[in-house]
Amino acid sequence: MSDSSVHVVHNADRQRYELVDDGSVIGFTEYHPDGDTQLVFDHTVVDKAYSGQGLAGKLVRFALDDVRERGKRVVAICSYVDNFIAKHPEYQDLAD
C-alpha cells in the first residue's frame, strides 16, 4: 500500500483517470466531454484505506497534465478538482 506502488492511468473507455495499486483500481476521477474542447470533471474518489497519502492530488495532477497535452480545457464540477485548480496556479489557465 505504499505510494511508490500506486500509478495513474487514463482509462478512456470509462472516461476516467484511475489510481491503480497492484492491478486494483483504488481511486479515480471521472469526466465527460462537453463539445470538442472541454472535459467536465464531476467526481473524484480514493479508497479510504489509501487516504492521507496525497494520492488524490497525484491523480488530479496527472489528469490535468494529460488534459493540457491533449489541448483540452477543464470544467471542474467536482469540488476536489475545483479546489486543486484553485490552489495550483499552474493549472488555472485550463479551467473554464
PDB file of N, CA and C in Angstrom:
ATOM      1  N   MET A   1       0.810  -1.193   0.000  1.00  0.00           N
ATOM      2  CA  MET A   1       0.000   0.000   0.000  1.00  0.00           C
ATOM      3  C   MET A   1       0.859   1.266   0.000  1.00  0.00           C
ATOM      4  N   SER A   2       2.058   1.206  -0.487  1.00  0.00           N
ATOM      5  CA  SER A   2       2.900   2.397  -0.494  1.00  0.00           C
ATOM      6  C   SER A   2       2.638   3.218  -1.743  1.00  0.00           C
ATOM      7  N   ASP A   3       2.869   4.520  -1.631  1.00  0.00           N
ATOM      8  CA  ASP A   3       2.643   5.446  -2.733  1.00  0.00           C
ATOM      9  C   ASP A   3       3.442   5.031  -3.961  1.00  0.00           C
ATOM     10  N   SER A   4       4.639   4.472  -3.772  1.00  0.00           N
ATOM     11  CA  SER A   4       5.502   4.139  -4.902  1.00  0.00           C
ATOM     12  C   SER A   4       4.920   3.019  -5.754  1.00  0.00           C
ATOM     13  N   SER A   5       4.039   2.184  -5.202  1.00  0.00           N
ATOM     14  CA  SER A   5       3.442   1.104  -5.982  1.00  0.00           C
ATOM     15  C   SER A   5       2.173   1.554  -6.707  1.00  0.00           C
ATOM     16  N   VAL A   6       1.689   2.740  -6.389  1.00  0.00           N
ATOM     17  CA  VAL A   6       0.465   3.254  -6.987  1.00  0.00           C
ATOM     18  C   VAL A   6       0.815   4.104  -8.204  1.00  0.00           C
ATOM     19  N   HIS A   7       0.132   3.829  -9.316  1.00  0.00           N
ATOM     20  CA  HIS A   7       0.346   4.644 -10.512  1.00  0.00           C
ATOM     21  C   HIS A   7      -1.000   5.073 -11.091  1.00  0.00           C
ATOM     22  N   VAL A   8      -0.953   6.044 -11.991  1.00  0.00           N
ATOM     23  CA  VAL A   8      -2.164   6.601 -12.581  1.00  0.00           C
ATOM     24  C   VAL A   8      -2.220   6.217 -14.054  1.00  0.00           C
ATOM     25  N   VAL A   9      -3.391   5.835 -14.502  1.00  0.00           N
ATOM     26  CA  VAL A   9      -3.612   5.525 -15.916  1.00  0.00           C
ATOM     27  C   VAL A   9      -4.863   6.258 -16.402  1.00  0.00           C
ATOM     28  N   HIS A  10      -4.891   6.533 -17.689  1.00  0.00           N
ATOM     29  CA  HIS A  10      -6.085   7.109 -18.309  1.00  0.00           C
ATOM     30  C   HIS A  10      -6.889   5.968 -18.916  1.00  0.00           C
ATOM     31  N   ASN A  11      -8.063   5.743 -18.397  1.00  0.00           N
ATOM     32  CA  ASN A  11      -8.966   4.725 -18.926  1.00  0.00           C
ATOM     33  C   ASN A  11     -10.003   5.448 -19.791  1.00  0.00           C
ATOM     34  N   ALA A  12      -9.639   5.685 -21.052  1.00  0.00           N
ATOM     35  CA  ALA A  12     -10.503   6.462 -21.955  1.00  0.00           C
ATOM     36  C   ALA A  12     -11.848   5.780 -22.184  1.00  0.00           C
ATOM     37  N   ASP A  13     -11.868   4.458 -22.196  1.00  0.00           N
ATOM     38  CA  ASP A  13     -13.122   3.740 -22.407  1.00  0.00           C
ATOM     39  C   ASP A  13     -14.142   4.035 -21.315  1.00  0.00           C
ATOM     40  N   ARG A  14     -13.662   4.246 -20.098  1.00  0.00           N
ATOM     41  CA  ARG A  14     -14.565   4.535 -18.965  1.00  0.00           C
ATOM     42  C   ARG A  14     -14.626   6.019 -18.642  1.00  0.00           C
ATOM     43  N   GLN A  15     -13.938   6.842 -19.446  1.00  0.00           N
ATOM     44  CA  GLN A  15     -13.887   8.290 -19.255  1.00  0.00           C
ATOM     45  C   GLN A  15     -13.468   8.665 -17.838  1.00  0.00           C
ATOM     46  N   ARG A  16     -12.300   8.131 -17.462  1.00  0.00           N
ATOM     47  CA  ARG A  16     -11.772   8.476 -16.146  1.00  0.00           C
ATOM     48  C   ARG A  16     -10.275   8.189 -16.077  1.00  0.00           C
ATOM     49  N   TYR A  17      -9.656   8.818 -15.110  1.00  0.00           N
ATOM     50  CA  TYR A  17      -8.260   8.553 -14.767  1.00  0.00           C
ATOM     51  C   TYR A  17      -8.297   7.732 -13.495  1.00  0.00           C
ATOM     52  N   GLU A  18      -7.469   6.689 -13.446  1.00  0.00           N
ATOM     53  CA  GLU A  18      -7.541   5.746 -12.332  1.00  0.00           C
ATOM     54  C   GLU A  18      -6.218   5.649 -11.577  1.00  0.00           C
ATOM     55  N   LEU A  19      -6.317   5.534 -10.264  1.00  0.00           N
ATOM     56  CA  LEU A  19      -5.198   5.160  -9.401  1.00  0.00           C
ATOM     57  C   LEU A  19      -5.207   3.644  -9.317  1.00  0.00           C
ATOM     58  N   VAL A  20      -4.080   3.020  -9.632  1.00  0.00           N
ATOM     59  CA  VAL A  20      -4.003   1.562  -9.649  1.00  0.00           C
ATOM     60  C   VAL A  20      -2.878   1.113  -8.724  1.00  0.00           C
ATOM     61  N   ASP A  21      -3.188   0.158  -7.863  1.00  0.00           N
ATOM     62  CA  ASP A  21      -2.206  -0.437  -6.962  1.00  0.00           C
ATOM     63  C   ASP A  21      -2.232  -1.949  -7.170  1.00  0.00           C
ATOM     64  N   ASP A  22      -1.155  -2.479  -7.690  1.00  0.00           N
ATOM     65  CA  ASP A  22      -1.029  -3.924  -7.918  1.00  0.00           C
ATOM     66  C   ASP A  22      -2.217  -4.490  -8.701  1.00  0.00           C
ATOM     67  N   GLY A  23      -2.610  -3.762  -9.757  1.00  0.00           N
ATOM     68  CA  GLY A  23      -3.682  -4.236 -10.622  1.00  0.00           C
ATOM     69  C   GLY A  23      -5.089  -3.882 -10.178  1.00  0.00           C
ATOM     70  N   SER A  24      -5.238  -3.329  -8.988  1.00  0.00           N
ATOM     71  CA  SER A  24      -6.567  -2.968  -8.484  1.00  0.00           C
ATOM     72  C   SER A  24      -6.773  -1.458  -8.543  1.00  0.00           C
ATOM     73  N   VAL A  25      -7.939  -1.047  -9.028  1.00  0.00           N
ATOM     74  CA  VAL A  25      -8.280   0.380  -9.044  1.00  0.00           C
ATOM     75  C   VAL A  25      -8.644   0.782  -7.621  1.00  0.00           C
ATOM     76  N   ILE A  26      -7.914   1.780  -7.100  1.00  0.00           N
ATOM     77  CA  ILE A  26      -8.153   2.218  -5.720  1.00  0.00           C
ATOM     78  C   ILE A  26      -8.646   3.665  -5.670  1.00  0.00           C
ATOM     79  N   GLY A  27      -8.840   4.253  -6.837  1.00  0.00           N
ATOM     80  CA  GLY A  27      -9.377   5.604  -6.904  1.00  0.00           C
ATOM     81  C   GLY A  27      -9.526   6.030  -8.345  1.00  0.00           C
ATOM     82  N   PHE A  28     -10.311   7.087  -8.559  1.00  0.00           N
ATOM     83  CA  PHE A  28     -10.489   7.590  -9.912  1.00  0.00           C
ATOM     84  C   PHE A  28     -11.065   8.997  -9.887  1.00  0.00           C
ATOM     85  N   THR A  29     -10.902   9.699 -10.986  1.00  0.00           N
ATOM     86  CA  THR A  29     -11.599  10.950 -11.238  1.00  0.00           C
ATOM     87  C   THR A  29     -12.277  10.808 -12.594  1.00  0.00           C
ATOM     88  N   GLU A  30     -13.585  11.018 -12.598  1.00  0.00           N
ATOM     89  CA  GLU A  30     -14.394  10.807 -13.804  1.00  0.00           C
ATOM     90  C   GLU A  30     -14.625  12.120 -14.530  1.00  0.00           C
ATOM     91  N   TYR A  31     -14.778  12.021 -15.836  1.00  0.00           N
ATOM     92  CA  TYR A  31     -15.091  13.185 -16.650  1.00  0.00           C
ATOM     93  C   TYR A  31     -16.036  12.769 -17.775  1.00  0.00           C
ATOM     94  N   HIS A  32     -16.620  13.768 -18.390  1.00  0.00           N
ATOM     95  CA  HIS A  32     -17.345  13.527 -19.639  1.00  0.00           C
ATOM     96  C   HIS A  32     -17.084  14.707 -20.558  1.00  0.00           C
ATOM     97  N   PRO A  33     -17.007  14.445 -21.854  1.00  0.00           N
ATOM     98  CA  PRO A  33     -16.743  15.534 -22.786  1.00  0.00           C
ATOM     99  C   PRO A  33     -17.957  16.447 -22.917  1.00  0.00           C
ATOM    100  N   ASP A  34     -17.680  17.725 -23.100  1.00  0.00           N
ATOM    101  CA  ASP A  34     -18.711  18.713 -23.381  1.00  0.00           C
ATOM    102  C   ASP A  34     -18.237  19.481 -24.607  1.00  0.00           C
ATOM    103  N   GLY A  35     -18.719  19.076 -25.766  1.00  0.00           N
ATOM    104  CA  GLY A  35     -18.222  19.651 -27.005  1.00  0.00           C
ATOM    105  C   GLY A  35     -16.865  19.060 -27.362  1.00  0.00           C
ATOM    106  N   ASP A  36     -16.143  19.738 -28.229  1.00  0.00           N
ATOM    107  CA  ASP A  36     -14.866  19.225 -28.717  1.00  0.00           C
ATOM    108  C   ASP A  36     -13.681  19.559 -27.824  1.00  0.00           C
ATOM    109  N   THR A  37     -13.812  20.584 -26.985  1.00  0.00           N
ATOM    110  CA  THR A  37     -12.629  21.055 -26.261  1.00  0.00           C
ATOM    111  C   THR A  37     -12.702  20.905 -24.759  1.00  0.00           C
ATOM    112  N   GLN A  38     -13.882  20.735 -24.183  1.00  0.00           N
ATOM    113  CA  GLN A  38     -13.996  20.703 -22.730  1.00  0.00           C
ATOM    114  C   GLN A  38     -14.224  19.294 -22.193  1.00  0.00           C
ATOM    115  N   LEU A  39     -13.565  19.030 -21.051  1.00  0.00           N
ATOM    116  CA  LEU A  39     -13.820  17.825 -20.272  1.00  0.00           C
ATOM    117  C   LEU A  39     -14.383  18.273 -18.929  1.00  0.00           C
ATOM    118  N   VAL A  40     -15.555  17.773 -18.590  1.00  0.00           N
ATOM    119  CA  VAL A  40     -16.208  18.128 -17.333  1.00  0.00           C
ATOM    120  C   VAL A  40     -15.860  17.057 -16.300  1.00  0.00           C
ATOM    121  N   PHE A  41     -15.102  17.451 -15.283  1.00  0.00           N
ATOM    122  CA  PHE A  41     -14.740  16.531 -14.198  1.00  0.00           C
ATOM    123  C   PHE A  41     -15.807  16.651 -13.122  1.00  0.00           C
ATOM    124  N   ASP A  42     -16.483  15.515 -12.838  1.00  0.00           N
ATOM    125  CA  ASP A  42     -17.611  15.593 -11.924  1.00  0.00           C
ATOM    126  C   ASP A  42     -17.512  14.718 -10.677  1.00  0.00           C
ATOM    127  N   HIS A  43     -16.480  13.892 -10.573  1.00  0.00           N
ATOM    128  CA  HIS A  43     -16.419  13.017  -9.398  1.00  0.00           C
ATOM    129  C   HIS A  43     -15.004  12.489  -9.211  1.00  0.00           C
ATOM    130  N   THR A  44     -14.504  12.555  -7.972  1.00  0.00           N
ATOM    131  CA  THR A  44     -13.189  12.005  -7.623  1.00  0.00           C
ATOM    132  C   THR A  44     -13.332  11.202  -6.342  1.00  0.00           C
ATOM    133  N   VAL A  45     -12.772   9.985  -6.345  1.00  0.00           N
ATOM    134  CA  VAL A  45     -12.871   9.080  -5.201  1.00  0.00           C
ATOM    135  C   VAL A  45     -11.524   8.386  -4.998  1.00  0.00           C
ATOM    136  N   VAL A  46     -11.118   8.244  -3.731  1.00  0.00           N
ATOM    137  CA  VAL A  46      -9.963   7.415  -3.380  1.00  0.00           C
ATOM    138  C   VAL A  46     -10.395   6.508  -2.227  1.00  0.00           C
ATOM    139  N   ASP A  47     -10.070   5.229  -2.340  1.00  0.00           N
ATOM    140  CA  ASP A  47     -10.393   4.257  -1.299  1.00  0.00           C
ATOM    141  C   ASP A  47      -9.900   4.766   0.054  1.00  0.00           C
ATOM    142  N   LYS A  48     -10.747   4.647   1.071  1.00  0.00           N
ATOM    143  CA  LYS A  48     -10.408   5.146   2.418  1.00  0.00           C
ATOM    144  C   LYS A  48      -9.109   4.542   2.965  1.00  0.00           C
ATOM    145  N   ALA A  49      -8.805   3.319   2.581  1.00  0.00           N
ATOM    146  CA  ALA A  49      -7.583   2.672   3.061  1.00  0.00           C
ATOM    147  C   ALA A  49      -6.326   3.388   2.557  1.00  0.00           C
ATOM    148  N   TYR A  50      -6.477   4.233   1.536  1.00  0.00           N
ATOM    149  CA  TYR A  50      -5.347   4.938   0.939  1.00  0.00           C
ATOM    150  C   TYR A  50      -5.363   6.431   1.239  1.00  0.00           C
ATOM    151  N   SER A  51      -6.288   6.868   2.081  1.00  0.00           N
ATOM    152  CA  SER A  51      -6.399   8.299   2.363  1.00  0.00           C
ATOM    153  C   SER A  51      -5.183   8.806   3.132  1.00  0.00           C
ATOM    154  N   GLY A  52      -4.930  10.093   2.985  1.00  0.00           N
ATOM    155  CA  GLY A  52      -3.831  10.733   3.701  1.00  0.00           C
ATOM    156  C   GLY A  52      -2.465  10.535   3.071  1.00  0.00           C
ATOM    157  N   GLN A  53      -2.406   9.973   1.870  1.00  0.00           N
ATOM    158  CA  GLN A  53      -1.128   9.739   1.206  1.00  0.00           C
ATOM    159  C   GLN A  53      -0.875  10.690   0.040  1.00  0.00           C
ATOM    160  N   GLY A  54      -1.782  11.634  -0.174  1.00  0.00           N
ATOM    161  CA  GLY A  54      -1.628  12.569  -1.281  1.00  0.00           C
ATOM    162  C   GLY A  54      -1.966  11.986  -2.639  1.00  0.00           C
ATOM    163  N   LEU A  55      -2.658  10.859  -2.641  1.00  0.00           N
ATOM    164  CA  LEU A  55      -2.933  10.180  -3.909  1.00  0.00           C
ATOM    165  C   LEU A  55      -3.983  10.900  -4.758  1.00  0.00           C
ATOM    166  N   ALA A  56      -4.957  11.529  -4.129  1.00  0.00           N
ATOM    167  CA  ALA A  56      -5.950  12.278  -4.909  1.00  0.00           C
ATOM    168  C   ALA A  56      -5.252  13.409  -5.662  1.00  0.00           C
ATOM    169  N   GLY A  57      -4.322  14.076  -5.012  1.00  0.00           N
ATOM    170  CA  GLY A  57      -3.562  15.131  -5.680  1.00  0.00           C
ATOM    171  C   GLY A  57      -2.726  14.594  -6.823  1.00  0.00           C
ATOM    172  N   LYS A  58      -2.088  13.449  -6.603  1.00  0.00           N
ATOM    173  CA  LYS A  58      -1.296  12.800  -7.664  1.00  0.00           C
ATOM    174  C   LYS A  58      -2.194  12.469  -8.856  1.00  0.00           C
ATOM    175  N   LEU A  59      -3.382  11.959  -8.581  1.00  0.00           N
ATOM    176  CA  LEU A  59      -4.350  11.588  -9.600  1.00  0.00           C
ATOM    177  C   LEU A  59      -4.785  12.807 -10.417  1.00  0.00           C
ATOM    178  N   VAL A  60      -5.190  13.861  -9.723  1.00  0.00           N
ATOM    179  CA  VAL A  60      -5.704  15.048 -10.405  1.00  0.00           C
ATOM    180  C   VAL A  60      -4.591  15.756 -11.169  1.00  0.00           C
ATOM    181  N   ARG A  61      -3.400  15.813 -10.616  1.00  0.00           N
ATOM    182  CA  ARG A  61      -2.262  16.424 -11.321  1.00  0.00           C
ATOM    183  C   ARG A  61      -2.007  15.680 -12.635  1.00  0.00           C
ATOM    184  N   PHE A  62      -1.996  14.361 -12.595  1.00  0.00           N
ATOM    185  CA  PHE A  62      -1.794  13.550 -13.797  1.00  0.00           C
ATOM    186  C   PHE A  62      -2.892  13.849 -14.821  1.00  0.00           C
ATOM    187  N   ALA A  63      -4.142  13.877 -14.353  1.00  0.00           N
ATOM    188  CA  ALA A  63      -5.269  14.128 -15.248  1.00  0.00           C
ATOM    189  C   ALA A  63      -5.155  15.502 -15.908  1.00  0.00           C
ATOM    190  N   LEU A  64      -4.838  16.523 -15.121  1.00  0.00           N
ATOM    191  CA  LEU A  64      -4.743  17.874 -15.667  1.00  0.00           C
ATOM    192  C   LEU A  64      -3.573  18.006 -16.633  1.00  0.00           C
ATOM    193  N   ASP A  65      -2.461  17.354 -16.323  1.00  0.00           N
ATOM    194  CA  ASP A  65      -1.319  17.372 -17.251  1.00  0.00           C
ATOM    195  C   ASP A  65      -1.699  16.714 -18.567  1.00  0.00           C
ATOM    196  N   ASP A  66      -2.462  15.624 -18.491  1.00  0.00           N
ATOM    197  CA  ASP A  66      -2.892  14.928 -19.694  1.00  0.00           C
ATOM    198  C   ASP A  66      -3.879  15.780 -20.499  1.00  0.00           C
ATOM    199  N   VAL A  67      -4.795  16.434 -19.809  1.00  0.00           N
ATOM    200  CA  VAL A  67      -5.751  17.321 -20.471  1.00  0.00           C
ATOM    201  C   VAL A  67      -4.989  18.419 -21.227  1.00  0.00           C
ATOM    202  N   ARG A  68      -3.981  18.979 -20.593  1.00  0.00           N
ATOM    203  CA  ARG A  68      -3.180  20.031 -21.235  1.00  0.00           C
ATOM    204  C   ARG A  68      -2.488  19.483 -22.481  1.00  0.00           C
ATOM    205  N   GLU A  69      -1.879  18.316 -22.370  1.00  0.00           N
ATOM    206  CA  GLU A  69      -1.185  17.711 -23.517  1.00  0.00           C
ATOM    207  C   GLU A  69      -2.133  17.448 -24.675  1.00  0.00           C
ATOM    208  N   ARG A  70      -3.373  17.140 -24.368  1.00  0.00           N
ATOM    209  CA  ARG A  70      -4.373  16.842 -25.397  1.00  0.00           C
ATOM    210  C   ARG A  70      -5.032  18.101 -25.952  1.00  0.00           C
ATOM    211  N   GLY A  71      -4.657  19.278 -25.431  1.00  0.00           N
ATOM    212  CA  GLY A  71      -5.203  20.533 -25.927  1.00  0.00           C
ATOM    213  C   GLY A  71      -6.643  20.772 -25.534  1.00  0.00           C
ATOM    214  N   LYS A  72      -7.055  20.199 -24.423  1.00  0.00           N
ATOM    215  CA  LYS A  72      -8.439  20.332 -23.946  1.00  0.00           C
ATOM    216  C   LYS A  72      -8.510  21.340 -22.805  1.00  0.00           C
ATOM    217  N   ARG A  73      -9.738  21.616 -22.362  1.00  0.00           N
ATOM    218  CA  ARG A  73      -9.998  22.509 -21.240  1.00  0.00           C
ATOM    219  C   ARG A  73     -10.777  21.746 -20.178  1.00  0.00           C
ATOM    220  N   VAL A  74     -10.814  22.290 -18.968  1.00  0.00           N
ATOM    221  CA  VAL A  74     -11.440  21.616 -17.827  1.00  0.00           C
ATOM    222  C   VAL A  74     -12.604  22.443 -17.293  1.00  0.00           C
ATOM    223  N   VAL A  75     -13.702  21.757 -17.047  1.00  0.00           N
ATOM    224  CA  VAL A  75     -14.805  22.316 -16.270  1.00  0.00           C
ATOM    225  C   VAL A  75     -14.867  21.465 -15.007  1.00  0.00           C
ATOM    226  N   ALA A  76     -14.568  22.078 -13.875  1.00  0.00           N
ATOM    227  CA  ALA A  76     -14.451  21.331 -12.618  1.00  0.00           C
ATOM    228  C   ALA A  76     -15.735  21.438 -11.809  1.00  0.00           C
ATOM    229  N   ILE A  77     -16.632  20.464 -11.997  1.00  0.00           N
ATOM    230  CA  ILE A  77     -17.830  20.367 -11.172  1.00  0.00           C
ATOM    231  C   ILE A  77     -17.470  19.669  -9.859  1.00  0.00           C
ATOM    232  N   CYS A  78     -16.553  18.720  -9.928  1.00  0.00           N
ATOM    233  CA  CYS A  78     -16.059  18.029  -8.733  1.00  0.00           C
ATOM    234  C   CYS A  78     -15.362  19.034  -7.822  1.00  0.00           C
ATOM    235  N   SER A  79     -15.763  19.071  -6.564  1.00  0.00           N
ATOM    236  CA  SER A  79     -15.185  20.048  -5.633  1.00  0.00           C
ATOM    237  C   SER A  79     -13.690  19.812  -5.424  1.00  0.00           C
ATOM    238  N   TYR A  80     -13.245  18.547  -5.444  1.00  0.00           N
ATOM    239  CA  TYR A  80     -11.816  18.294  -5.248  1.00  0.00           C
ATOM    240  C   TYR A  80     -11.005  18.869  -6.404  1.00  0.00           C
ATOM    241  N   VAL A  81     -11.433  18.622  -7.624  1.00  0.00           N
ATOM    242  CA  VAL A  81     -10.711  19.144  -8.792  1.00  0.00           C
ATOM    243  C   VAL A  81     -10.751  20.672  -8.792  1.00  0.00           C
ATOM    244  N   ASP A  82     -11.906  21.238  -8.470  1.00  0.00           N
ATOM    245  CA  ASP A  82     -12.049  22.691  -8.411  1.00  0.00           C
ATOM    246  C   ASP A  82     -11.090  23.286  -7.382  1.00  0.00           C
ATOM    247  N   ASN A  83     -11.036  22.713  -6.183  1.00  0.00           N
ATOM    248  CA  ASN A  83     -10.137  23.208  -5.138  1.00  0.00           C
ATOM    249  C   ASN A  83      -8.676  23.009  -5.513  1.00  0.00           C
ATOM    250  N   PHE A  84      -8.358  21.893  -6.173  1.00  0.00           N
ATOM    251  CA  PHE A  84      -6.985  21.636  -6.600  1.00  0.00           C
ATOM    252  C   PHE A  84      -6.527  22.724  -7.572  1.00  0.00           C
ATOM    253  N   ILE A  85      -7.373  23.036  -8.541  1.00  0.00           N
ATOM    254  CA  ILE A  85      -7.022  24.073  -9.512  1.00  0.00           C
ATOM    255  C   ILE A  85      -6.865  25.425  -8.814  1.00  0.00           C
ATOM    256  N   ALA A  86      -7.742  25.729  -7.872  1.00  0.00           N
ATOM    257  CA  ALA A  86      -7.663  26.999  -7.148  1.00  0.00           C
ATOM    258  C   ALA A  86      -6.354  27.126  -6.369  1.00  0.00           C
ATOM    259  N   LYS A  87      -5.846  26.014  -5.856  1.00  0.00           N
ATOM    260  CA  LYS A  87      -4.620  26.027  -5.047  1.00  0.00           C
ATOM    261  C   LYS A  87      -3.345  25.906  -5.875  1.00  0.00           C
ATOM    262  N   HIS A  88      -3.480  25.598  -7.157  1.00  0.00           N
ATOM    263  CA  HIS A  88      -2.308  25.399  -8.022  1.00  0.00           C
ATOM    264  C   HIS A  88      -2.421  26.304  -9.246  1.00  0.00           C
ATOM    265  N   PRO A  89      -1.855  27.503  -9.150  1.00  0.00           N
ATOM    266  CA  PRO A  89      -1.987  28.491 -10.229  1.00  0.00           C
ATOM    267  C   PRO A  89      -1.526  27.989 -11.595  1.00  0.00           C
ATOM    268  N   GLU A  90      -0.632  27.007 -11.619  1.00  0.00           N
ATOM    269  CA  GLU A  90      -0.122  26.494 -12.889  1.00  0.00           C
ATOM    270  C   GLU A  90      -1.198  25.774 -13.707  1.00  0.00           C
ATOM    271  N   TYR A  91      -2.353  25.494 -13.088  1.00  0.00           N
ATOM    272  CA  TYR A  91      -3.437  24.830 -13.807  1.00  0.00           C
ATOM    273  C   TYR A  91      -4.634  25.747 -14.058  1.00  0.00           C
ATOM    274  N   GLN A  92      -4.613  26.951 -13.538  1.00  0.00           N
ATOM    275  CA  GLN A  92      -5.778  27.825 -13.653  1.00  0.00           C
ATOM    276  C   GLN A  92      -6.088  28.218 -15.094  1.00  0.00           C
ATOM    277  N   ASP A  93      -5.080  28.193 -15.965  1.00  0.00           N
ATOM    278  CA  ASP A  93      -5.322  28.535 -17.370  1.00  0.00           C
ATOM    279  C   ASP A  93      -6.129  27.450 -18.100  1.00  0.00           C
ATOM    280  N   LEU A  94      -6.258  26.265 -17.503  1.00  0.00           N
ATOM    281  CA  LEU A  94      -7.018  25.170 -18.124  1.00  0.00           C
ATOM    282  C   LEU A  94      -8.512  25.256 -17.813  1.00  0.00           C
ATOM    283  N   ALA A  95      -8.865  26.006 -16.771  1.00  0.00           N
ATOM    284  CA  ALA A  95     -10.234  25.968 -16.236  1.00  0.00           C
ATOM    285  C   ALA A  95     -11.174  26.915 -16.963  1.00  0.00           C
ATOM    286  N   ASP A  96     -12.357  26.404 -17.275  1.00  0.00           N
ATOM    287  CA  ASP A  96     -13.435  27.215 -17.828  1.00  0.00           C
ATOM    288  C   ASP A  96     -14.524  27.345 -16.786  1.00  0.00           C
TER     289      ASP A  96
END
